[in-house]
Amino acid sequence: MADKVDEFDAILVYVTTSSQSEALLIAKTLVEQNLCACVNIIPEIRSIYSYDGKINDNIEVMLVIKSTQDLFPALEKNILELHSYEVPEIIATKIDFGHSKFINWIRETVKKE
């Protein structure tokens, strides 16, 4: 059953990295520090973007991180410390609806600030 998620609660955070090893380091660190409940690593995505006046076309690795809004500042800080990009993609979005047992698992698994 899909339940409405509380405001200021569960989030998905999307991060792209340059390599599988960088993605794995970030994912393991965040889970070990209880800053998220889970990280999915999507091993190969193609990103086309404009940066420094050039059009870039690169293969990247995407992280999909399940956490809570109150932990976003600490999560972002950790990602920035581990990430190789000058301007890494770190985008969070609220989970408005989801399977109640899964959402509760996220809440119960992460560190309480």
PDB file of N, CA and C in Angstrom:
ATOM      1  N   MET A   1       0.845  -1.186   0.000  1.00  0.00           N
ATOM      2  CA  MET A   1       0.000   0.000   0.000  1.00  0.00           C
ATOM      3  C   MET A   1       0.885   1.242   0.000  1.00  0.00           C
ATOM      4  N   ALA A   2       0.566   2.185  -0.839  1.00  0.00           N
ATOM      5  CA  ALA A   2       1.326   3.430  -0.917  1.00  0.00           C
ATOM      6  C   ALA A   2       0.726   4.441   0.044  1.00  0.00           C
ATOM      7  N   ASP A   3       1.547   4.925   0.939  1.00  0.00           N
ATOM      8  CA  ASP A   3       1.116   5.921   1.904  1.00  0.00           C
ATOM      9  C   ASP A   3       1.749   7.254   1.575  1.00  0.00           C
ATOM     10  N   LYS A   4       1.041   8.330   1.927  1.00  0.00           N
ATOM     11  CA  LYS A   4       1.601   9.673   1.807  1.00  0.00           C
ATOM     12  C   LYS A   4       2.744   9.777   2.810  1.00  0.00           C
ATOM     13  N   VAL A   5       3.856  10.297   2.368  1.00  0.00           N
ATOM     14  CA  VAL A   5       5.032  10.430   3.215  1.00  0.00           C
ATOM     15  C   VAL A   5       4.982  11.777   3.916  1.00  0.00           C
ATOM     16  N   ASP A   6       5.388  11.799   5.191  1.00  0.00           N
ATOM     17  CA  ASP A   6       5.389  13.038   5.962  1.00  0.00           C
ATOM     18  C   ASP A   6       6.273  14.091   5.307  1.00  0.00           C
ATOM     19  N   GLU A   7       5.848  15.340   5.461  1.00  0.00           N
ATOM     20  CA  GLU A   7       6.677  16.451   5.010  1.00  0.00           C
ATOM     21  C   GLU A   7       7.992  16.401   5.790  1.00  0.00           C
ATOM     22  N   PHE A   8       9.084  16.827   5.173  1.00  0.00           N
ATOM     23  CA  PHE A   8      10.416  16.799   5.783  1.00  0.00           C
ATOM     24  C   PHE A   8      10.818  15.374   6.147  1.00  0.00           C
ATOM     25  N   ASP A   9      10.613  14.468   5.226  1.00  0.00           N
ATOM     26  CA  ASP A   9      10.917  13.087   5.544  1.00  0.00           C
ATOM     27  C   ASP A   9      11.808  12.444   4.485  1.00  0.00           C
ATOM     28  N   ALA A  10      11.377  11.360   3.912  1.00  0.00           N
ATOM     29  CA  ALA A  10      12.210  10.567   3.010  1.00  0.00           C
ATOM     30  C   ALA A  10      12.538  11.317   1.719  1.00  0.00           C
ATOM     31  N   ILE A  11      13.785  11.131   1.264  1.00  0.00           N
ATOM     32  CA  ILE A  11      14.244  11.755   0.024  1.00  0.00           C
ATOM     33  C   ILE A  11      15.024  10.749  -0.819  1.00  0.00           C
ATOM     34  N   LEU A  12      15.097  11.045  -2.101  1.00  0.00           N
ATOM     35  CA  LEU A  12      16.015  10.381  -3.018  1.00  0.00           C
ATOM     36  C   LEU A  12      17.059  11.414  -3.404  1.00  0.00           C
ATOM     37  N   VAL A  13      18.315  11.023  -3.358  1.00  0.00           N
ATOM     38  CA  VAL A  13      19.403  11.912  -3.748  1.00  0.00           C
ATOM     39  C   VAL A  13      20.107  11.274  -4.943  1.00  0.00           C
ATOM     40  N   TYR A  14      20.257  12.051  -6.007  1.00  0.00           N
ATOM     41  CA  TYR A  14      20.916  11.579  -7.221  1.00  0.00           C
ATOM     42  C   TYR A  14      22.302  12.203  -7.307  1.00  0.00           C
ATOM     43  N   VAL A  15      23.301  11.358  -7.527  1.00  0.00           N
ATOM     44  CA  VAL A  15      24.687  11.811  -7.641  1.00  0.00           C
ATOM     45  C   VAL A  15      25.320  11.066  -8.811  1.00  0.00           C
ATOM     46  N   THR A  16      26.044  11.782  -9.662  1.00  0.00           N
ATOM     47  CA  THR A  16      26.818  11.116 -10.706  1.00  0.00           C
ATOM     48  C   THR A  16      28.296  11.183 -10.351  1.00  0.00           C
ATOM     49  N   THR A  17      29.027  10.134 -10.727  1.00  0.00           N
ATOM     50  CA  THR A  17      30.463  10.065 -10.470  1.00  0.00           C
ATOM     51  C   THR A  17      31.186   9.667 -11.747  1.00  0.00           C
ATOM     52  N   SER A  18      32.499   9.814 -11.721  1.00  0.00           N
ATOM     53  CA  SER A  18      33.301   9.515 -12.906  1.00  0.00           C
ATOM     54  C   SER A  18      33.657   8.043 -13.036  1.00  0.00           C
ATOM     55  N   SER A  19      33.524   7.276 -11.945  1.00  0.00           N
ATOM     56  CA  SER A  19      33.959   5.879 -12.001  1.00  0.00           C
ATOM     57  C   SER A  19      33.181   5.012 -11.017  1.00  0.00           C
ATOM     58  N   GLN A  20      33.239   3.722 -11.269  1.00  0.00           N
ATOM     59  CA  GLN A  20      32.618   2.739 -10.383  1.00  0.00           C
ATOM     60  C   GLN A  20      33.275   2.773  -9.002  1.00  0.00           C
ATOM     61  N   SER A  21      34.598   2.913  -8.960  1.00  0.00           N
ATOM     62  CA  SER A  21      35.302   2.911  -7.674  1.00  0.00           C
ATOM     63  C   SER A  21      34.925   4.132  -6.833  1.00  0.00           C
ATOM     64  N   GLU A  22      34.781   5.285  -7.464  1.00  0.00           N
ATOM     65  CA  GLU A  22      34.362   6.483  -6.732  1.00  0.00           C
ATOM     66  C   GLU A  22      32.932   6.318  -6.217  1.00  0.00           C
ATOM     67  N   ALA A  23      32.062   5.772  -7.044  1.00  0.00           N
ATOM     68  CA  ALA A  23      30.673   5.536  -6.637  1.00  0.00           C
ATOM     69  C   ALA A  23      30.614   4.576  -5.450  1.00  0.00           C
ATOM     70  N   LEU A  24      31.399   3.512  -5.511  1.00  0.00           N
ATOM     71  CA  LEU A  24      31.419   2.521  -4.433  1.00  0.00           C
ATOM     72  C   LEU A  24      31.941   3.124  -3.135  1.00  0.00           C
ATOM     73  N   LEU A  25      32.978   3.943  -3.211  1.00  0.00           N
ATOM     74  CA  LEU A  25      33.522   4.608  -2.022  1.00  0.00           C
ATOM     75  C   LEU A  25      32.473   5.507  -1.380  1.00  0.00           C
ATOM     76  N   ILE A  26      31.803   6.316  -2.182  1.00  0.00           N
ATOM     77  CA  ILE A  26      30.773   7.214  -1.656  1.00  0.00           C
ATOM     78  C   ILE A  26      29.628   6.406  -1.059  1.00  0.00           C
ATOM     79  N   ALA A  27      29.154   5.397  -1.776  1.00  0.00           N
ATOM     80  CA  ALA A  27      28.023   4.589  -1.310  1.00  0.00           C
ATOM     81  C   ALA A  27      28.334   3.910   0.018  1.00  0.00           C
ATOM     82  N   LYS A  28      29.470   3.235   0.092  1.00  0.00           N
ATOM     83  CA  LYS A  28      29.830   2.520   1.326  1.00  0.00           C
ATOM     84  C   LYS A  28      29.994   3.481   2.499  1.00  0.00           C
ATOM     85  N   THR A  29      30.622   4.622   2.255  1.00  0.00           N
ATOM     86  CA  THR A  29      30.824   5.606   3.328  1.00  0.00           C
ATOM     87  C   THR A  29      29.489   6.104   3.869  1.00  0.00           C
ATOM     88  N   LEU A  30      28.566   6.452   2.988  1.00  0.00           N
ATOM     89  CA  LEU A  30      27.267   6.975   3.428  1.00  0.00           C
ATOM     90  C   LEU A  30      26.471   5.931   4.206  1.00  0.00           C
ATOM     91  N   VAL A  31      26.490   4.683   3.736  1.00  0.00           N
ATOM     92  CA  VAL A  31      25.757   3.618   4.434  1.00  0.00           C
ATOM     93  C   VAL A  31      26.419   3.318   5.781  1.00  0.00           C
ATOM     94  N   GLU A  32      27.751   3.224   5.809  1.00  0.00           N
ATOM     95  CA  GLU A  32      28.466   2.943   7.058  1.00  0.00           C
ATOM     96  C   GLU A  32      28.228   4.019   8.107  1.00  0.00           C
ATOM     97  N   GLN A  33      28.071   5.260   7.678  1.00  0.00           N
ATOM     98  CA  GLN A  33      27.850   6.365   8.613  1.00  0.00           C
ATOM     99  C   GLN A  33      26.370   6.574   8.925  1.00  0.00           C
ATOM    100  N   ASN A  34      25.523   5.664   8.436  1.00  0.00           N
ATOM    101  CA  ASN A  34      24.069   5.734   8.656  1.00  0.00           C
ATOM    102  C   ASN A  34      23.460   7.039   8.162  1.00  0.00           C
ATOM    103  N   LEU A  35      24.054   7.611   7.122  1.00  0.00           N
ATOM    104  CA  LEU A  35      23.499   8.824   6.526  1.00  0.00           C
ATOM    105  C   LEU A  35      22.443   8.501   5.482  1.00  0.00           C
ATOM    106  N   CYS A  36      22.344   7.230   5.137  1.00  0.00           N
ATOM    107  CA  CYS A  36      21.311   6.774   4.214  1.00  0.00           C
ATOM    108  C   CYS A  36      21.007   5.314   4.513  1.00  0.00           C
ATOM    109  N   ALA A  37      19.862   4.868   4.040  1.00  0.00           N
ATOM    110  CA  ALA A  37      19.470   3.478   4.250  1.00  0.00           C
ATOM    111  C   ALA A  37      19.995   2.581   3.138  1.00  0.00           C
ATOM    112  N   CYS A  38      20.138   3.139   1.942  1.00  0.00           N
ATOM    113  CA  CYS A  38      20.477   2.325   0.776  1.00  0.00           C
ATOM    114  C   CYS A  38      21.021   3.216  -0.324  1.00  0.00           C
ATOM    115  N   VAL A  39      21.926   2.656  -1.115  1.00  0.00           N
ATOM    116  CA  VAL A  39      22.409   3.334  -2.317  1.00  0.00           C
ATOM    117  C   VAL A  39      22.367   2.335  -3.470  1.00  0.00           C
ATOM    118  N   ASN A  40      21.673   2.699  -4.531  1.00  0.00           N
ATOM    119  CA  ASN A  40      21.721   1.913  -5.765  1.00  0.00           C
ATOM    120  C   ASN A  40      22.796   2.524  -6.647  1.00  0.00           C
ATOM    121  N   ILE A  41      23.623   1.671  -7.242  1.00  0.00           N
ATOM    122  CA  ILE A  41      24.657   2.132  -8.161  1.00  0.00           C
ATOM    123  C   ILE A  41      24.266   1.678  -9.563  1.00  0.00           C
ATOM    124  N   ILE A  42      24.015   2.641 -10.418  1.00  0.00           N
ATOM    125  CA  ILE A  42      23.694   2.362 -11.816  1.00  0.00           C
ATOM    126  C   ILE A  42      25.011   2.506 -12.573  1.00  0.00           C
ATOM    127  N   PRO A  43      25.559   1.392 -13.068  1.00  0.00           N
ATOM    128  CA  PRO A  43      26.955   1.373 -13.499  1.00  0.00           C
ATOM    129  C   PRO A  43      27.310   2.187 -14.733  1.00  0.00           C
ATOM    130  N   GLU A  44      26.376   2.445 -15.612  1.00  0.00           N
ATOM    131  CA  GLU A  44      26.764   3.188 -16.806  1.00  0.00           C
ATOM    132  C   GLU A  44      25.608   4.020 -17.333  1.00  0.00           C
ATOM    133  N   ILE A  45      25.788   5.325 -17.247  1.00  0.00           N
ATOM    134  CA  ILE A  45      24.842   6.250 -17.861  1.00  0.00           C
ATOM    135  C   ILE A  45      25.645   7.164 -18.778  1.00  0.00           C
ATOM    136  N   ARG A  46      25.000   7.690 -19.766  1.00  0.00           N
ATOM    137  CA  ARG A  46      25.665   8.628 -20.669  1.00  0.00           C
ATOM    138  C   ARG A  46      25.148  10.015 -20.355  1.00  0.00           C
ATOM    139  N   SER A  47      26.062  10.922 -20.059  1.00  0.00           N
ATOM    140  CA  SER A  47      25.708  12.300 -19.722  1.00  0.00           C
ATOM    141  C   SER A  47      26.249  13.250 -20.781  1.00  0.00           C
ATOM    142  N   ILE A  48      25.374  14.087 -21.275  1.00  0.00           N
ATOM    143  CA  ILE A  48      25.762  15.131 -22.223  1.00  0.00           C
ATOM    144  C   ILE A  48      25.427  16.459 -21.558  1.00  0.00           C
ATOM    145  N   TYR A  49      26.439  17.294 -21.387  1.00  0.00           N
ATOM    146  CA  TYR A  49      26.241  18.516 -20.616  1.00  0.00           C
ATOM    147  C   TYR A  49      27.215  19.599 -21.066  1.00  0.00           C
ATOM    148  N   SER A  50      26.863  20.829 -20.741  1.00  0.00           N
ATOM    149  CA  SER A  50      27.716  21.968 -21.034  1.00  0.00           C
ATOM    150  C   SER A  50      28.480  22.338 -19.769  1.00  0.00           C
ATOM    151  N   TYR A  51      29.809  22.473 -19.889  1.00  0.00           N
ATOM    152  CA  TYR A  51      30.628  22.873 -18.747  1.00  0.00           C
ATOM    153  C   TYR A  51      31.875  23.573 -19.271  1.00  0.00           C
ATOM    154  N   ASP A  52      32.217  24.692 -18.681  1.00  0.00           N
ATOM    155  CA  ASP A  52      33.376  25.495 -19.095  1.00  0.00           C
ATOM    156  C   ASP A  52      33.331  25.847 -20.580  1.00  0.00           C
ATOM    157  N   GLY A  53      32.119  26.131 -21.076  1.00  0.00           N
ATOM    158  CA  GLY A  53      31.968  26.549 -22.456  1.00  0.00           C
ATOM    159  C   GLY A  53      32.081  25.439 -23.486  1.00  0.00           C
ATOM    160  N   LYS A  54      32.133  24.176 -23.026  1.00  0.00           N
ATOM    161  CA  LYS A  54      32.250  23.048 -23.949  1.00  0.00           C
ATOM    162  C   LYS A  54      31.080  22.094 -23.745  1.00  0.00           C
ATOM    163  N   ILE A  55      30.699  21.426 -24.826  1.00  0.00           N
ATOM    164  CA  ILE A  55      29.719  20.352 -24.729  1.00  0.00           C
ATOM    165  C   ILE A  55      30.494  19.070 -24.437  1.00  0.00           C
ATOM    166  N   ASN A  56      30.142  18.399 -23.358  1.00  0.00           N
ATOM    167  CA  ASN A  56      30.803  17.167 -22.937  1.00  0.00           C
ATOM    168  C   ASN A  56      29.871  15.983 -23.137  1.00  0.00           C
ATOM    169  N   ASP A  57      30.443  14.840 -23.448  1.00  0.00           N
ATOM    170  CA  ASP A  57      29.704  13.597 -23.661  1.00  0.00           C
ATOM    171  C   ASP A  57      30.499  12.503 -22.954  1.00  0.00           C
ATOM    172  N   ASN A  58      30.041  12.116 -21.758  1.00  0.00           N
ATOM    173  CA  ASN A  58      30.806  11.183 -20.931  1.00  0.00           C
ATOM    174  C   ASN A  58      29.953  10.043 -20.405  1.00  0.00           C
ATOM    175  N   ILE A  59      30.614   8.925 -20.151  1.00  0.00           N
ATOM    176  CA  ILE A  59      29.996   7.818 -19.433  1.00  0.00           C
ATOM    177  C   ILE A  59      30.236   8.070 -17.948  1.00  0.00           C
ATOM    178  N   GLU A  60      29.177   7.997 -17.154  1.00  0.00           N
ATOM    179  CA  GLU A  60      29.272   8.210 -15.715  1.00  0.00           C
ATOM    180  C   GLU A  60      28.566   7.075 -14.982  1.00  0.00           C
ATOM    181  N   VAL A  61      28.718   7.076 -13.680  1.00  0.00           N
ATOM    182  CA  VAL A  61      28.044   6.128 -12.801  1.00  0.00           C
ATOM    183  C   VAL A  61      27.081   6.930 -11.943  1.00  0.00           C
ATOM    184  N   MET A  62      25.844   6.454 -11.798  1.00  0.00           N
ATOM    185  CA  MET A  62      24.852   7.192 -11.016  1.00  0.00           C
ATOM    186  C   MET A  62      24.558   6.486  -9.697  1.00  0.00           C
ATOM    187  N   LEU A  63      24.459   7.285  -8.652  1.00  0.00           N
ATOM    188  CA  LEU A  63      24.024   6.809  -7.342  1.00  0.00           C
ATOM    189  C   LEU A  63      22.604   7.294  -7.104  1.00  0.00           C
ATOM    190  N   VAL A  64      21.761   6.411  -6.590  1.00  0.00           N
ATOM    191  CA  VAL A  64      20.416   6.772  -6.143  1.00  0.00           C
ATOM    192  C   VAL A  64      20.393   6.444  -4.655  1.00  0.00           C
ATOM    193  N   ILE A  65      20.339   7.482  -3.838  1.00  0.00           N
ATOM    194  CA  ILE A  65      20.516   7.370  -2.393  1.00  0.00           C
ATOM    195  C   ILE A  65      19.188   7.597  -1.692  1.00  0.00           C
ATOM    196  N   LYS A  66      18.834   6.699  -0.760  1.00  0.00           N
ATOM    197  CA  LYS A  66      17.603   6.844   0.023  1.00  0.00           C
ATOM    198  C   LYS A  66      17.974   7.326   1.416  1.00  0.00           C
ATOM    199  N   SER A  67      17.431   8.483   1.795  1.00  0.00           N
ATOM    200  CA  SER A  67      17.761   9.075   3.088  1.00  0.00           C
ATOM    201  C   SER A  67      16.570   9.884   3.583  1.00  0.00           C
ATOM    202  N   THR A  68      16.846  10.799   4.515  1.00  0.00           N
ATOM    203  CA  THR A  68      15.818  11.693   5.037  1.00  0.00           C
ATOM    204  C   THR A  68      16.314  13.135   4.930  1.00  0.00           C
ATOM    205  N   GLN A  69      15.361  14.051   4.873  1.00  0.00           N
ATOM    206  CA  GLN A  69      15.704  15.461   4.658  1.00  0.00           C
ATOM    207  C   GLN A  69      16.622  16.020   5.737  1.00  0.00           C
ATOM    208  N   ASP A  70      16.415  15.614   6.970  1.00  0.00           N
ATOM    209  CA  ASP A  70      17.237  16.169   8.045  1.00  0.00           C
ATOM    210  C   ASP A  70      18.706  15.777   7.912  1.00  0.00           C
ATOM    211  N   LEU A  71      18.990  14.689   7.203  1.00  0.00           N
ATOM    212  CA  LEU A  71      20.372  14.246   7.031  1.00  0.00           C
ATOM    213  C   LEU A  71      21.032  14.790   5.765  1.00  0.00           C
ATOM    214  N   PHE A  72      20.278  15.513   4.939  1.00  0.00           N
ATOM    215  CA  PHE A  72      20.850  15.989   3.674  1.00  0.00           C
ATOM    216  C   PHE A  72      22.112  16.831   3.864  1.00  0.00           C
ATOM    217  N   PRO A  73      22.170  17.783   4.793  1.00  0.00           N
ATOM    218  CA  PRO A  73      23.405  18.572   4.927  1.00  0.00           C
ATOM    219  C   PRO A  73      24.642  17.710   5.214  1.00  0.00           C
ATOM    220  N   ALA A  74      24.530  16.736   6.100  1.00  0.00           N
ATOM    221  CA  ALA A  74      25.666  15.857   6.409  1.00  0.00           C
ATOM    222  C   ALA A  74      25.994  14.951   5.230  1.00  0.00           C
ATOM    223  N   LEU A  75      24.973  14.473   4.565  1.00  0.00           N
ATOM    224  CA  LEU A  75      25.152  13.623   3.392  1.00  0.00           C
ATOM    225  C   LEU A  75      25.887  14.398   2.294  1.00  0.00           C
ATOM    226  N   GLU A  76      25.428  15.615   2.023  1.00  0.00           N
ATOM    227  CA  GLU A  76      26.063  16.461   1.007  1.00  0.00           C
ATOM    228  C   GLU A  76      27.520  16.743   1.366  1.00  0.00           C
ATOM    229  N   LYS A  77      27.787  17.051   2.619  1.00  0.00           N
ATOM    230  CA  LYS A  77      29.153  17.338   3.075  1.00  0.00           C
ATOM    231  C   LYS A  77      30.066  16.145   2.815  1.00  0.00           C
ATOM    232  N   ASN A  78      29.605  14.953   3.154  1.00  0.00           N
ATOM    233  CA  ASN A  78      30.399  13.748   2.936  1.00  0.00           C
ATOM    234  C   ASN A  78      30.648  13.495   1.454  1.00  0.00           C
ATOM    235  N   ILE A  79      29.628  13.673   0.643  1.00  0.00           N
ATOM    236  CA  ILE A  79      29.790  13.473  -0.798  1.00  0.00           C
ATOM    237  C   ILE A  79      30.828  14.453  -1.345  1.00  0.00           C
ATOM    238  N   LEU A  80      30.735  15.715  -0.956  1.00  0.00           N
ATOM    239  CA  LEU A  80      31.678  16.726  -1.444  1.00  0.00           C
ATOM    240  C   LEU A  80      33.117  16.403  -1.043  1.00  0.00           C
ATOM    241  N   GLU A  81      33.301  15.833   0.147  1.00  0.00           N
ATOM    242  CA  GLU A  81      34.648  15.471   0.604  1.00  0.00           C
ATOM    243  C   GLU A  81      35.240  14.320  -0.207  1.00  0.00           C
ATOM    244  N   LEU A  82      34.390  13.428  -0.712  1.00  0.00           N
ATOM    245  CA  LEU A  82      34.857  12.228  -1.408  1.00  0.00           C
ATOM    246  C   LEU A  82      34.841  12.350  -2.931  1.00  0.00           C
ATOM    247  N   HIS A  83      34.130  13.331  -3.450  1.00  0.00           N
ATOM    248  CA  HIS A  83      33.871  13.426  -4.891  1.00  0.00           C
ATOM    249  C   HIS A  83      35.019  14.091  -5.627  1.00  0.00           C
ATOM    250  N   SER A  84      35.287  13.621  -6.838  1.00  0.00           N
ATOM    251  CA  SER A  84      36.394  14.163  -7.630  1.00  0.00           C
ATOM    252  C   SER A  84      36.002  15.367  -8.489  1.00  0.00           C
ATOM    253  N   TYR A  85      34.706  15.575  -8.723  1.00  0.00           N
ATOM    254  CA  TYR A  85      34.281  16.681  -9.584  1.00  0.00           C
ATOM    255  C   TYR A  85      34.358  18.014  -8.844  1.00  0.00           C
ATOM    256  N   GLU A  86      34.675  19.057  -9.595  1.00  0.00           N
ATOM    257  CA  GLU A  86      34.670  20.415  -9.051  1.00  0.00           C
ATOM    258  C   GLU A  86      33.247  20.841  -8.689  1.00  0.00           C
ATOM    259  N   VAL A  87      32.291  20.467  -9.530  1.00  0.00           N
ATOM    260  CA  VAL A  87      30.879  20.790  -9.311  1.00  0.00           C
ATOM    261  C   VAL A  87      30.064  19.495  -9.466  1.00  0.00           C
ATOM    262  N   PRO A  88      30.026  18.672  -8.421  1.00  0.00           N
ATOM    263  CA  PRO A  88      29.294  17.407  -8.549  1.00  0.00           C
ATOM    264  C   PRO A  88      27.783  17.606  -8.561  1.00  0.00           C
ATOM    265  N   GLU A  89      27.123  16.717  -9.289  1.00  0.00           N
ATOM    266  CA  GLU A  89      25.659  16.700  -9.279  1.00  0.00           C
ATOM    267  C   GLU A  89      25.207  16.051  -7.975  1.00  0.00           C
ATOM    268  N   ILE A  90      24.533  16.818  -7.148  1.00  0.00           N
ATOM    269  CA  ILE A  90      23.924  16.309  -5.913  1.00  0.00           C
ATOM    270  C   ILE A  90      22.529  16.918  -5.877  1.00  0.00           C
ATOM    271  N   ILE A  91      21.540  16.124  -6.256  1.00  0.00           N
ATOM    272  CA  ILE A  91      20.169  16.615  -6.377  1.00  0.00           C
ATOM    273  C   ILE A  91      19.263  15.763  -5.505  1.00  0.00           C
ATOM    274  N   ALA A  92      18.493  16.407  -4.649  1.00  0.00           N
ATOM    275  CA  ALA A  92      17.561  15.675  -3.780  1.00  0.00           C
ATOM    276  C   ALA A  92      16.126  16.006  -4.153  1.00  0.00           C
ATOM    277  N   THR A  93      15.286  15.011  -4.043  1.00  0.00           N
ATOM    278  CA  THR A  93      13.862  15.198  -4.272  1.00  0.00           C
ATOM    279  C   THR A  93      13.089  14.448  -3.194  1.00  0.00           C
ATOM    280  N   LYS A  94      11.977  15.024  -2.778  1.00  0.00           N
ATOM    281  CA  LYS A  94      11.140  14.387  -1.760  1.00  0.00           C
ATOM    282  C   LYS A  94      10.476  13.144  -2.330  1.00  0.00           C
ATOM    283  N   ILE A  95      10.284  12.158  -1.480  1.00  0.00           N
ATOM    284  CA  ILE A  95       9.462  11.004  -1.835  1.00  0.00           C
ATOM    285  C   ILE A  95       8.069  11.313  -1.312  1.00  0.00           C
ATOM    286  N   ASP A  96       7.157  11.653  -2.205  1.00  0.00           N
ATOM    287  CA  ASP A  96       5.805  12.020  -1.793  1.00  0.00           C
ATOM    288  C   ASP A  96       4.955  10.809  -1.439  1.00  0.00           C
ATOM    289  N   PHE A  97       5.145   9.728  -2.164  1.00  0.00           N
ATOM    290  CA  PHE A  97       4.386   8.508  -1.913  1.00  0.00           C
ATOM    291  C   PHE A  97       5.329   7.324  -2.011  1.00  0.00           C
ATOM    292  N   GLY A  98       5.043   6.281  -1.244  1.00  0.00           N
ATOM    293  CA  GLY A  98       5.856   5.076  -1.313  1.00  0.00           C
ATOM    294  C   GLY A  98       5.267   3.970  -0.464  1.00  0.00           C
ATOM    295  N   HIS A  99       5.774   2.770  -0.668  1.00  0.00           N
ATOM    296  CA  HIS A  99       5.339   1.619   0.117  1.00  0.00           C
ATOM    297  C   HIS A  99       5.678   1.885   1.585  1.00  0.00           C
ATOM    298  N   SER A 100       4.687   1.855   2.440  1.00  0.00           N
ATOM    299  CA  SER A 100       4.861   2.281   3.834  1.00  0.00           C
ATOM    300  C   SER A 100       5.956   1.506   4.557  1.00  0.00           C
ATOM    301  N   LYS A 101       6.068   0.210   4.321  1.00  0.00           N
ATOM    302  CA  LYS A 101       7.111  -0.570   5.001  1.00  0.00           C
ATOM    303  C   LYS A 101       8.506  -0.138   4.540  1.00  0.00           C
ATOM    304  N   PHE A 102       8.645   0.195   3.266  1.00  0.00           N
ATOM    305  CA  PHE A 102       9.939   0.647   2.759  1.00  0.00           C
ATOM    306  C   PHE A 102      10.296   2.016   3.330  1.00  0.00           C
ATOM    307  N   ILE A 103       9.341   2.931   3.340  1.00  0.00           N
ATOM    308  CA  ILE A 103       9.583   4.271   3.895  1.00  0.00           C
ATOM    309  C   ILE A 103       9.934   4.169   5.375  1.00  0.00           C
ATOM    310  N   ASN A 104       9.218   3.340   6.115  1.00  0.00           N
ATOM    311  CA  ASN A 104       9.532   3.147   7.537  1.00  0.00           C
ATOM    312  C   ASN A 104      10.925   2.563   7.718  1.00  0.00           C
ATOM    313  N   TRP A 105      11.317   1.650   6.828  1.00  0.00           N
ATOM    314  CA  TRP A 105      12.663   1.073   6.903  1.00  0.00           C
ATOM    315  C   TRP A 105      13.725   2.159   6.722  1.00  0.00           C
ATOM    316  N   ILE A 106      13.506   3.086   5.786  1.00  0.00           N
ATOM    317  CA  ILE A 106      14.448   4.198   5.616  1.00  0.00           C
ATOM    318  C   ILE A 106      14.551   4.974   6.921  1.00  0.00           C
ATOM    319  N   ARG A 107      13.412   5.347   7.484  1.00  0.00           N
ATOM    320  CA  ARG A 107      13.385   6.135   8.730  1.00  0.00           C
ATOM    321  C   ARG A 107      14.118   5.426   9.864  1.00  0.00           C
ATOM    322  N   GLU A 108      13.900   4.124   9.990  1.00  0.00           N
ATOM    323  CA  GLU A 108      14.474   3.359  11.103  1.00  0.00           C
ATOM    324  C   GLU A 108      15.958   3.078  10.918  1.00  0.00           C
ATOM    325  N   THR A 109      16.427   3.093   9.682  1.00  0.00           N
ATOM    326  CA  THR A 109      17.802   2.705   9.386  1.00  0.00           C
ATOM    327  C   THR A 109      18.789   3.852   9.524  1.00  0.00           C
ATOM    328  N   VAL A 110      18.377   5.057   9.207  1.00  0.00           N
ATOM    329  CA  VAL A 110      19.314   6.183   9.192  1.00  0.00           C
ATOM    330  C   VAL A 110      19.526   6.761  10.584  1.00  0.00           C
ATOM    331  N   LYS A 111      20.634   7.482  10.693  1.00  0.00           N
ATOM    332  CA  LYS A 111      20.997   8.173  11.931  1.00  0.00           C
ATOM    333  C   LYS A 111      19.959   9.228  12.262  1.00  0.00           C
ATOM    334  N   LYS A 112      19.662   9.375  13.504  1.00  0.00           N
ATOM    335  CA  LYS A 112      18.736  10.425  13.938  1.00  0.00           C
ATOM    336  C   LYS A 112      19.550  11.644  14.343  1.00  0.00           C
ATOM    337  N   GLU A 113      19.269  12.769  13.700  1.00  0.00           N
ATOM    338  CA  GLU A 113      20.002  14.015  14.011  1.00  0.00           C
ATOM    339  C   GLU A 113      19.376  14.718  15.194  1.00  0.00           C
TER     340      GLU A 113
END
